[in-house]
Protein backbone atom coordinates (compact mmCIF):
# COMPACT_ATOMS: atom_id res chain seq x y z
CA MET A 1 11.12 -21.97 -15.89
CA GLU A 2 9.64 -18.74 -17.11
CA LEU A 3 8.48 -15.41 -15.68
CA GLU A 4 5.73 -13.42 -17.33
CA PHE A 5 5.35 -9.81 -16.26
CA TYR A 6 1.77 -8.65 -16.22
CA GLY A 7 0.87 -5.96 -13.64
CA ALA A 8 2.88 -3.02 -12.25
CA THR A 9 4.88 -2.80 -15.49
CA THR A 10 3.44 -0.07 -17.68
CA ARG A 11 2.06 1.53 -14.50
CA ILE A 12 2.84 1.52 -10.80
CA THR A 13 -0.23 -0.33 -9.49
CA GLY A 14 -1.83 -3.70 -10.22
CA SER A 15 1.13 -5.84 -9.13
CA CYS A 16 0.94 -9.31 -10.73
CA HIS A 17 3.60 -11.63 -12.13
CA ILE A 18 3.20 -15.18 -13.43
CA LEU A 19 5.75 -17.88 -12.67
CA LYS A 20 5.63 -21.00 -14.84
CA ILE A 21 7.52 -24.13 -13.84
CA ASP A 22 7.12 -27.73 -14.98
CA GLY A 23 3.55 -27.16 -16.20
CA ARG A 24 2.44 -25.31 -13.06
CA ARG A 25 1.52 -21.64 -12.70
CA ILE A 26 2.04 -19.45 -9.65
CA LEU A 27 0.93 -15.84 -9.30
CA LEU A 28 3.08 -13.40 -7.36
CA ASP A 29 0.48 -10.88 -6.14
CA CYS A 30 -2.75 -9.98 -7.92
CA GLY A 31 -3.53 -6.32 -7.27
CA LEU A 32 -6.00 -3.70 -8.41
CA VAL A 33 -5.04 -1.03 -10.91
CA GLN A 34 -5.52 2.41 -9.31
CA GLY A 35 -5.42 5.92 -10.73
CA ARG A 36 -7.41 7.55 -13.52
CA GLU A 37 -10.89 6.30 -14.38
CA GLU A 38 -9.68 4.77 -17.64
CA GLU A 39 -6.89 2.95 -15.78
CA GLU A 40 -9.23 1.55 -13.14
CA ALA A 41 -11.46 0.30 -15.97
CA LEU A 42 -8.63 -2.13 -16.78
CA ASN A 43 -9.62 -4.12 -13.69
CA ARG A 44 -12.64 -5.34 -15.67
CA GLU A 45 -10.51 -6.63 -18.53
CA PRO A 46 -10.09 -10.44 -18.66
CA PHE A 47 -6.99 -11.88 -17.06
CA PRO A 48 -4.30 -12.83 -19.61
CA PHE A 49 -4.54 -16.38 -18.25
CA ASP A 50 -7.25 -18.79 -17.15
CA PRO A 51 -7.73 -18.35 -13.36
CA ARG A 52 -8.72 -22.02 -13.15
CA GLU A 53 -5.24 -23.00 -14.35
CA ILE A 54 -3.41 -21.11 -11.57
CA ASP A 55 -2.03 -23.58 -9.01
CA ALA A 56 -1.21 -21.13 -6.20
CA VAL A 57 -0.96 -17.44 -5.34
CA VAL A 58 1.86 -15.97 -3.26
CA LEU A 59 0.76 -12.65 -1.75
CA SER A 60 3.49 -10.27 -0.54
CA HIS A 61 1.25 -7.99 1.55
CA GLY A 62 -2.23 -6.59 1.98
CA HIS A 63 -2.23 -3.28 0.12
CA ILE A 64 -4.96 -3.24 -2.51
CA ASP A 65 -2.59 -2.65 -5.43
CA HIS A 66 -1.05 -6.02 -4.53
CA SER A 67 -4.05 -7.99 -3.22
CA GLY A 68 -7.16 -6.33 -4.64
CA ARG A 69 -7.88 -8.66 -7.58
CA VAL A 70 -7.42 -11.95 -5.73
CA PRO A 71 -11.20 -12.09 -4.99
CA LEU A 72 -11.85 -11.56 -8.71
CA LEU A 73 -9.48 -14.43 -9.41
CA VAL A 74 -11.56 -16.58 -7.05
CA LYS A 75 -14.80 -15.39 -8.61
CA LYS A 76 -13.46 -16.47 -12.03
CA GLY A 77 -12.67 -20.00 -10.87
CA PHE A 78 -9.40 -20.06 -8.90
CA ASP A 79 -9.71 -22.30 -5.85
CA GLY A 80 -6.10 -23.04 -4.90
CA PRO A 81 -4.08 -21.90 -1.89
CA VAL A 82 -3.03 -18.29 -1.30
CA TYR A 83 0.18 -18.16 0.74
CA THR A 84 0.78 -15.05 2.81
CA HIS A 85 1.85 -13.90 6.28
CA PRO A 86 -0.79 -14.47 9.03
CA ALA A 87 -0.97 -10.70 9.67
CA THR A 88 -1.65 -10.10 5.99
CA ARG A 89 -4.47 -12.64 6.10
CA ASP A 90 -6.08 -10.73 8.99
CA LEU A 91 -5.61 -7.36 7.29
CA ALA A 92 -6.84 -8.69 3.93
CA LEU A 93 -10.23 -9.53 5.39
CA VAL A 94 -10.64 -5.87 6.38
CA LEU A 95 -9.17 -4.34 3.22
CA LEU A 96 -10.84 -6.59 0.68
CA GLN A 97 -14.28 -6.36 2.30
CA ASP A 98 -13.99 -2.59 2.16
CA SER A 99 -12.91 -2.79 -1.49
CA ALA A 100 -15.92 -4.98 -2.27
CA ARG A 101 -18.37 -2.64 -0.54
CA LEU A 102 -16.96 0.43 -2.26
CA ASN A 103 -17.18 -1.29 -5.64
CA GLU A 104 -20.76 -2.42 -4.99
CA ARG A 105 -21.68 1.16 -4.05
CA ASP A 106 -20.04 2.60 -7.18
CA VAL A 107 -21.76 0.02 -9.37
CA ARG A 108 -25.17 0.91 -7.90
CA TYR A 109 -24.53 4.56 -8.77
CA GLU A 110 -23.27 3.69 -12.25
CA ASN A 111 -26.25 1.43 -12.95
CA ARG A 112 -28.71 4.19 -12.04
CA LEU A 113 -27.10 6.34 -14.75
CA ARG A 114 -27.12 3.43 -17.19
CA GLU A 115 -30.80 2.74 -16.58
CA ARG A 116 -31.67 6.31 -17.55
CA LYS A 117 -29.72 5.90 -20.80
CA ASN A 118 -31.04 2.39 -21.54
CA MET A 119 -27.48 1.06 -21.33
CA PRO A 120 -26.55 -2.48 -20.21
CA LEU A 121 -26.06 -2.80 -16.45
CA ILE A 122 -22.75 -3.90 -14.94
CA GLU A 123 -21.98 -6.06 -11.92
CA PRO A 124 -19.41 -5.47 -9.16
CA LEU A 125 -15.91 -6.81 -9.68
CA TYR A 126 -16.59 -9.03 -6.67
CA THR A 127 -18.75 -9.18 -3.57
CA VAL A 128 -18.16 -9.54 0.16
CA GLU A 129 -19.01 -13.23 -0.25
CA ASP A 130 -16.18 -13.56 -2.80
CA VAL A 131 -13.85 -11.92 -0.27
CA VAL A 132 -14.79 -14.38 2.47
CA ARG A 133 -14.13 -17.29 0.08
CA THR A 134 -10.78 -15.71 -0.79
CA VAL A 135 -9.63 -15.27 2.79
CA ASN A 136 -10.64 -18.86 3.54
CA LEU A 137 -8.13 -19.93 0.86
CA MET A 138 -5.29 -18.01 2.56
CA GLN A 139 -2.67 -20.03 4.39
CA GLY A 140 -0.51 -18.14 6.87
CA LEU A 141 3.25 -18.60 6.73
CA LYS A 142 5.43 -16.83 9.31
CA TYR A 143 8.73 -15.15 8.54
CA GLY A 144 11.71 -17.47 8.24
CA VAL A 145 9.76 -20.69 7.66
CA LYS A 146 10.49 -22.68 4.50
CA LYS A 147 7.55 -24.45 2.85
CA GLU A 148 7.24 -26.54 -0.29
CA ILE A 149 4.01 -25.26 -1.85
CA LEU A 150 4.17 -27.36 -5.04
CA PRO A 151 6.54 -30.07 -6.26
CA GLY A 152 9.79 -28.26 -7.01
CA VAL A 153 8.62 -24.92 -5.54
CA THR A 154 9.69 -23.90 -2.02
CA ILE A 155 9.07 -20.46 -0.54
CA ARG A 156 10.14 -18.50 2.52
CA PHE A 157 8.94 -15.08 3.71
CA GLN A 158 11.26 -12.47 5.20
CA ASP A 159 10.25 -9.14 6.75
CA ALA A 160 9.97 -6.36 4.14
CA GLY A 161 9.50 -3.61 6.76
CA HIS A 162 6.76 -1.98 4.65
CA ILE A 163 3.53 -2.63 6.57
CA LEU A 164 2.53 -5.25 9.14
CA GLY A 165 3.05 -8.70 7.62
CA SER A 166 4.71 -7.43 4.42
CA ALA A 167 7.04 -10.02 2.98
CA LEU A 168 10.08 -10.36 0.81
CA VAL A 169 9.48 -13.67 -0.97
CA GLU A 170 12.26 -16.18 -1.54
CA LEU A 171 11.45 -18.93 -4.06
CA TRP A 172 13.59 -21.99 -4.73
CA LEU A 173 12.60 -23.50 -8.09
CA ALA A 174 13.70 -27.00 -9.13
CA GLU A 175 13.07 -28.35 -12.62
CA LYS A 176 14.83 -31.11 -14.59
CA GLY A 177 17.76 -31.31 -12.19
CA ARG A 178 18.31 -27.55 -12.13
CA THR A 179 17.62 -25.21 -9.20
CA VAL A 180 17.11 -21.45 -9.49
CA LYS A 181 16.45 -18.97 -6.69
CA LEU A 182 14.09 -16.06 -7.36
CA VAL A 183 13.40 -13.24 -4.90
CA PHE A 184 10.29 -11.05 -5.17
CA SER A 185 10.54 -7.82 -3.21
CA GLY A 186 6.86 -6.89 -3.00
CA ASP A 187 7.23 -3.40 -1.48
CA ILE A 188 10.33 -2.56 0.55
CA GLY A 189 10.04 -0.32 3.61
CA GLN A 190 12.32 2.41 4.90
CA TYR A 191 15.18 1.64 7.23
CA ASP A 192 14.84 3.07 10.76
CA SER A 193 11.11 3.73 10.44
CA PRO A 194 8.82 3.49 13.49
CA ILE A 195 7.13 0.31 14.79
CA LEU A 196 8.43 -2.26 12.28
CA TYR A 197 11.81 -3.89 11.79
CA ASP A 198 14.10 -2.92 8.92
CA PRO A 199 13.86 -4.93 5.68
CA SER A 200 15.58 -8.31 6.05
CA THR A 201 18.86 -8.91 4.26
CA ILE A 202 18.88 -11.75 1.72
CA ALA A 203 22.28 -13.01 0.59
CA GLU A 204 21.60 -15.25 -2.41
CA ALA A 205 19.49 -15.05 -5.56
CA ASP A 206 19.80 -15.71 -9.26
CA ALA A 207 17.05 -13.20 -10.12
CA VAL A 208 15.22 -10.44 -8.25
CA ILE A 209 11.91 -8.75 -9.08
CA LEU A 210 12.31 -5.33 -7.47
CA GLU A 211 9.89 -2.46 -6.93
CA SER A 212 11.00 1.09 -7.83
CA THR A 213 8.31 3.41 -6.43
CA TYR A 214 10.85 5.99 -5.23
CA GLY A 215 13.69 4.86 -7.50
CA ASP A 216 14.46 8.40 -8.66
CA ARG A 217 14.45 10.30 -5.36
CA LEU A 218 15.39 10.43 -1.69
CA HIS A 219 13.10 10.94 1.26
CA ARG A 220 13.60 13.77 3.67
CA GLU A 221 15.65 12.85 6.72
CA ARG A 222 13.55 11.56 9.63
CA ALA A 223 14.55 14.43 11.94
CA GLU A 224 13.59 16.97 9.27
CA THR A 225 10.28 15.19 8.69
CA LEU A 226 9.36 15.33 12.37
CA LYS A 227 10.37 18.98 12.49
CA GLU A 228 8.11 19.76 9.52
CA ILE A 229 5.11 18.01 11.06
CA ALA A 230 5.61 20.01 14.25
CA GLU A 231 5.78 23.25 12.23
CA VAL A 232 2.53 22.49 10.36
CA ILE A 233 0.80 21.83 13.69
CA ARG A 234 2.09 25.16 15.07
CA LEU A 235 1.01 27.04 11.93
CA ALA A 236 -2.50 25.61 11.94
CA ASP A 237 -2.84 26.34 15.66
CA ARG A 238 -1.73 29.95 15.20
CA GLU A 239 -3.91 30.48 12.12
CA GLY A 240 -7.01 28.90 13.67
CA GLY A 241 -7.64 26.00 11.30
CA ASN A 242 -7.79 22.23 11.06
CA ILE A 243 -5.30 19.71 9.68
CA LEU A 244 -6.43 17.10 7.15
CA VAL A 245 -4.30 14.00 6.73
CA PRO A 246 -5.26 11.68 3.85
CA ALA A 247 -3.79 8.39 5.05
CA PHE A 248 -3.67 4.78 3.99
CA SER A 249 -5.66 2.68 6.44
CA ILE A 250 -2.86 0.19 6.91
CA GLY A 251 0.59 1.37 7.93
CA ARG A 252 0.41 5.13 7.65
CA SER A 253 -2.51 5.63 10.02
CA GLN A 254 -0.89 3.50 12.71
CA GLU A 255 2.47 5.24 12.31
CA LEU A 256 0.84 8.65 12.65
CA LEU A 257 -0.97 7.65 15.85
CA TYR A 258 2.31 6.29 17.21
CA LEU A 259 4.15 9.56 16.46
CA PHE A 260 1.32 11.70 17.85
CA ALA A 261 1.53 9.71 21.10
CA ILE A 262 5.31 9.96 21.40
CA TYR A 263 5.47 13.70 20.56
CA HIS A 264 2.17 14.63 22.18
CA LYS A 265 3.64 17.19 24.57
CA GLU A 266 6.46 18.42 22.33
CA TRP A 267 4.07 19.18 19.44
CA GLY A 268 1.42 20.81 21.67
CA LEU A 269 -1.17 18.18 20.79
CA ASP A 270 -2.96 18.62 24.10
CA ARG A 271 -4.72 21.58 22.42
CA TRP A 272 -6.01 19.38 19.59
CA GLN A 273 -8.63 16.72 19.06
CA ILE A 274 -7.34 13.86 16.89
CA PHE A 275 -9.84 11.88 14.82
CA LEU A 276 -9.14 8.55 13.16
CA ASP A 277 -12.05 8.82 10.77
CA SER A 278 -11.93 5.47 9.04
CA PRO A 279 -13.64 2.25 10.15
CA MET A 280 -11.08 0.30 8.14
CA ALA A 281 -8.11 2.07 9.77
CA ILE A 282 -9.66 1.54 13.21
CA GLU A 283 -9.98 -2.19 12.57
CA ALA A 284 -6.49 -2.33 11.03
CA SER A 285 -5.10 -0.61 14.14
CA ARG A 286 -6.67 -3.30 16.33
CA ILE A 287 -4.95 -5.96 14.21
CA TYR A 288 -1.64 -4.07 14.39
CA TRP A 289 -1.73 -4.18 18.17
CA GLU A 290 -2.31 -7.98 18.10
CA TYR A 291 1.11 -8.66 16.57
CA PRO A 292 3.64 -7.27 19.10
CA ASP A 293 6.17 -9.90 17.98
CA LEU A 294 6.54 -7.92 14.72
CA TYR A 295 7.49 -4.64 16.46
CA ASP A 296 11.03 -3.31 16.51
CA GLU A 297 12.93 -2.77 19.77
CA GLU A 298 11.75 0.80 20.40
CA ALA A 299 8.07 0.03 19.82
CA THR A 300 8.35 -3.11 21.96
CA ARG A 301 9.87 -1.13 24.82
CA LEU A 302 7.22 1.58 24.68
CA ARG A 303 4.42 -0.98 24.46
CA GLU A 304 5.70 -2.79 27.54
CA GLN A 305 5.62 0.46 29.55
CA VAL A 306 1.86 0.91 29.06
CA ASN A 307 0.78 -2.68 28.20
CA GLU A 308 -0.44 -1.51 24.80
CA MET A 309 0.71 0.58 21.87
CA PRO A 310 1.06 4.27 22.78
CA MET A 311 -2.01 6.28 21.78
CA PRO A 312 -2.66 10.05 21.88
CA MET A 313 -4.78 10.94 24.91
CA ASN A 314 -7.29 12.98 22.87
CA LEU A 315 -7.86 10.40 20.15
CA HIS A 316 -11.37 9.74 18.84
CA PHE A 317 -12.36 6.75 16.70
CA THR A 318 -15.22 7.73 14.37
CA ARG A 319 -16.84 4.65 12.94
CA ASP A 320 -20.17 5.73 11.53
CA ALA A 321 -20.93 8.37 8.91
CA ALA A 322 -22.94 10.60 11.26
CA GLU A 323 -19.98 10.91 13.63
CA SER A 324 -17.74 11.70 10.66
CA ARG A 325 -20.01 14.52 9.45
CA LYS A 326 -20.10 16.09 12.91
CA ILE A 327 -16.33 16.60 12.82
CA ASN A 328 -16.85 19.35 10.27
CA ASP A 329 -18.69 21.42 12.89
CA ILE A 330 -15.21 21.97 14.40
CA ARG A 331 -13.61 25.05 12.86
CA HIS A 332 -10.30 24.89 14.73
CA GLY A 333 -8.25 22.29 16.57
CA ALA A 334 -9.13 19.09 14.70
CA ILE A 335 -6.54 16.76 13.19
CA ILE A 336 -8.48 14.48 10.88
CA ILE A 337 -6.84 11.27 9.64
CA ALA A 338 -9.06 9.73 6.99
CA GLY A 339 -8.90 7.54 3.89
CA SER A 340 -8.28 7.21 1.15
CA GLY A 341 -4.56 7.84 1.15
CA MET A 342 -4.57 9.15 -2.45
CA CYS A 343 -7.83 11.12 -2.00
CA ASN A 344 -9.53 9.03 -4.71
CA GLY A 345 -12.46 8.08 -2.48
CA GLY A 346 -13.48 7.72 1.15
CA ARG A 347 -14.27 10.19 3.91
CA ILE A 348 -11.29 12.46 3.23
CA LEU A 349 -13.22 13.85 0.26
CA TYR A 350 -15.99 15.07 2.57
CA HIS A 351 -13.46 16.81 4.83
CA LEU A 352 -11.64 18.36 1.87
CA LYS A 353 -14.92 19.82 0.62
CA HIS A 354 -15.39 21.56 3.98
CA ASN A 355 -11.80 22.71 4.52
CA ILE A 356 -9.92 23.03 1.20
CA ARG A 357 -11.17 26.60 0.62
CA ARG A 358 -10.02 27.74 4.07
CA PRO A 359 -6.48 29.24 3.99
CA GLU A 360 -6.13 28.72 7.73
CA CYS A 361 -6.45 24.95 7.30
CA HIS A 362 -3.62 22.67 6.21
CA VAL A 363 -3.41 19.42 4.22
CA LEU A 364 -0.68 16.97 5.19
CA ILE A 365 0.23 14.52 2.40
CA THR A 366 2.17 11.62 3.92
CA GLY A 367 2.36 8.99 1.17
CA PHE A 368 2.82 8.29 -2.51
CA GLN A 369 0.18 9.81 -4.83
CA ALA A 370 -0.29 7.97 -8.12
CA GLU A 371 -0.83 9.82 -11.39
CA GLY A 372 -4.49 10.59 -12.03
CA THR A 373 -5.48 10.83 -8.37
CA LEU A 374 -6.79 13.88 -6.53
CA GLY A 375 -3.87 13.56 -4.13
CA ARG A 376 -1.43 13.91 -7.02
CA GLU A 377 -3.23 17.09 -8.15
CA LEU A 378 -2.83 18.56 -4.68
CA VAL A 379 0.86 17.62 -4.52
CA ASN A 380 1.40 19.16 -7.97
CA GLY A 381 0.02 22.47 -6.74
CA SER A 382 -3.32 22.60 -8.56
CA LYS A 383 -5.17 25.83 -7.81
CA SER A 384 -8.56 24.17 -8.12
CA VAL A 385 -9.78 20.57 -7.98
CA ARG A 386 -13.00 18.66 -8.62
CA ILE A 387 -14.45 16.75 -5.68
CA ARG A 388 -17.56 14.66 -6.30
CA GLY A 389 -18.26 16.63 -9.47
CA GLU A 390 -17.94 20.06 -7.82
CA GLU A 391 -15.11 22.55 -8.39
CA PHE A 392 -13.18 23.81 -5.34
CA SER A 393 -10.38 26.34 -5.13
CA VAL A 394 -7.35 25.06 -3.20
CA ASP A 395 -6.73 27.75 -0.61
CA ALA A 396 -5.47 25.51 2.20
CA PRO A 397 -1.68 25.03 2.09
CA VAL A 398 -0.65 21.52 1.03
CA HIS A 399 2.45 19.98 2.67
CA THR A 400 4.13 16.88 1.28
CA ILE A 401 5.85 14.95 4.07
CA GLY A 402 7.95 12.44 2.12
CA GLY A 403 9.85 11.10 5.10
CA LEU A 404 6.84 9.11 6.37
CA SER A 405 6.48 6.97 3.28
CA ALA A 406 6.11 3.23 3.88
CA HIS A 407 8.27 2.76 0.77
CA GLY A 408 12.01 2.90 0.93
CA ASP A 409 13.64 5.55 -1.22
CA GLN A 410 16.38 5.14 -3.82
CA GLN A 411 19.13 4.70 -1.22
CA ASP A 412 17.06 2.26 0.86
CA MET A 413 16.51 0.00 -2.14
CA LEU A 414 20.16 0.17 -3.19
CA ARG A 415 21.14 -0.65 0.40
CA TRP A 416 18.88 -3.71 0.32
CA LEU A 417 20.31 -4.85 -3.02
CA LYS A 418 23.85 -4.53 -1.65
CA GLY A 419 22.97 -7.30 0.81
CA PHE A 420 23.25 -9.93 -1.94
CA ASP A 421 26.57 -11.76 -2.04
CA SER A 422 25.61 -13.11 -5.46
CA SER A 423 25.03 -11.03 -8.61
CA PRO A 424 21.36 -11.51 -9.46
CA HIS A 425 19.66 -10.22 -12.60
CA VAL A 426 17.28 -7.47 -11.42
CA TYR A 427 13.88 -6.97 -13.06
CA VAL A 428 12.70 -3.45 -12.19
CA VAL A 429 8.91 -3.09 -11.84
CA HIS A 430 6.30 -1.17 -9.82
CA GLY A 431 7.37 2.34 -10.74
CA GLU A 432 6.14 5.13 -12.96
CA ASN A 433 7.47 5.26 -16.50
CA GLY A 434 10.81 7.02 -16.46
CA VAL A 435 11.41 6.20 -12.80
CA LYS A 436 11.99 2.51 -13.56
CA GLU A 437 14.53 3.41 -16.25
CA VAL A 438 16.37 5.84 -13.97
CA PHE A 439 16.58 3.29 -11.17
CA SER A 440 17.57 0.48 -13.52
CA ALA A 441 20.49 2.53 -14.85
CA LEU A 442 21.54 3.47 -11.31
CA ILE A 443 21.65 -0.20 -10.25
CA GLN A 444 23.93 -0.94 -13.18
CA GLU A 445 26.14 2.04 -12.39
CA LYS A 446 26.41 1.67 -8.61
CA LEU A 447 26.23 -2.11 -8.17
CA GLY A 448 27.29 -3.48 -11.53
CA LEU A 449 24.25 -5.76 -11.77
CA GLU A 450 22.43 -6.67 -14.95
CA THR A 451 18.93 -5.19 -15.08
CA SER A 452 15.80 -5.27 -17.22
CA VAL A 453 12.68 -3.09 -17.27
CA PRO A 454 9.98 -5.50 -18.45
CA GLN A 455 6.83 -4.36 -20.22
CA GLU A 456 3.42 -5.95 -19.85
CA GLY A 457 3.44 -9.42 -21.37
CA ASP A 458 7.23 -9.70 -21.50
CA ARG A 459 8.67 -13.13 -20.67
CA ALA A 460 12.00 -14.07 -19.16
CA LEU A 461 13.58 -17.49 -18.90
CA LEU A 462 15.09 -18.33 -15.52
């Protein structure tokens, strides 16, 4: 039995690990690399394996940095099963189709430039048709159900509390009379966050592949986070501006709508118009509401009171581009939730162009911003930024609201690790360089567990 670490090692995105057992190969996730242009170009590099020789894919959740290259895998010849939670299958159809369309659009633009320079044309990473073929290969597996997916390989999903359908993956591996248990964390959510249950406790493992996105820091306390959001709303109201919220279409957008509904009166939101300006987030929200069995006790209770998830009264869904552009006629009183969450594409760029120079407007950053993204520039306090090739001064205040992250912080991940009664070897991945090393050392110090920080291409015997 052998693990090969491929994606989310030298960088935080592009999650992908290869499990080899008794001549068979299983992929744990297969995500897109996101960030700088040169990093995203890595998505066009050949896989370090033959996709036709992969026997199965196990997909932890739907975020593009975990799922976004599965259609490329299919395009290159993979035709085996993809095991994932049923909610992830539903969300993947939305996310991956959007990814395909965006890539096709970018390729059309790139090819126009290449034609003028007599350069070879390129093709999209994959098409919508590839996505449909991919989703048809997905087999839903609910939390808590054990399934033998290959001879000697049994899996079970547990709730990761990260986004709807996100899974902690337990794998029992049997080869030559020996059994090893591997746990793959995917992404671990915060404890006590809205809507979803806390991450499930797992008691036994011989080895754990663990993310480390926030392995070097703590989130703000929930009460302080809510207080800060309320203060930003009051400031923008007093100063006569709008509030822009770059948000991931799955997870963050739904959590924000939930909070705006609960605190509608307390935060004075009756004076605001709230726009969910993302067709993908609108569709993802519909899917979220179709899985009430995955809600925690508070969300279940509130849903039962109104027979649906709580929604702000003055919420507008803007599906088409013309409706989106009209929002920018509003000079005051608009809260605009739009993708992408890291400001590296999508409608949020259009709204930033119209509002970023206005000191009375405010930008609310609610999630992780990878290196090389526009969102990271804003968080780092850049005085000017380039949007669609044009330079803009950053005059609108930028607020980083860390307490809303879908990722658990350092203490959340240590708390989850403490749930093991055994002493597994921990492979620390999915974190920026430096962060992985800090978190790895902390695990050794606080929990006394052996750890490794694998690099791309590293192998480990199980």
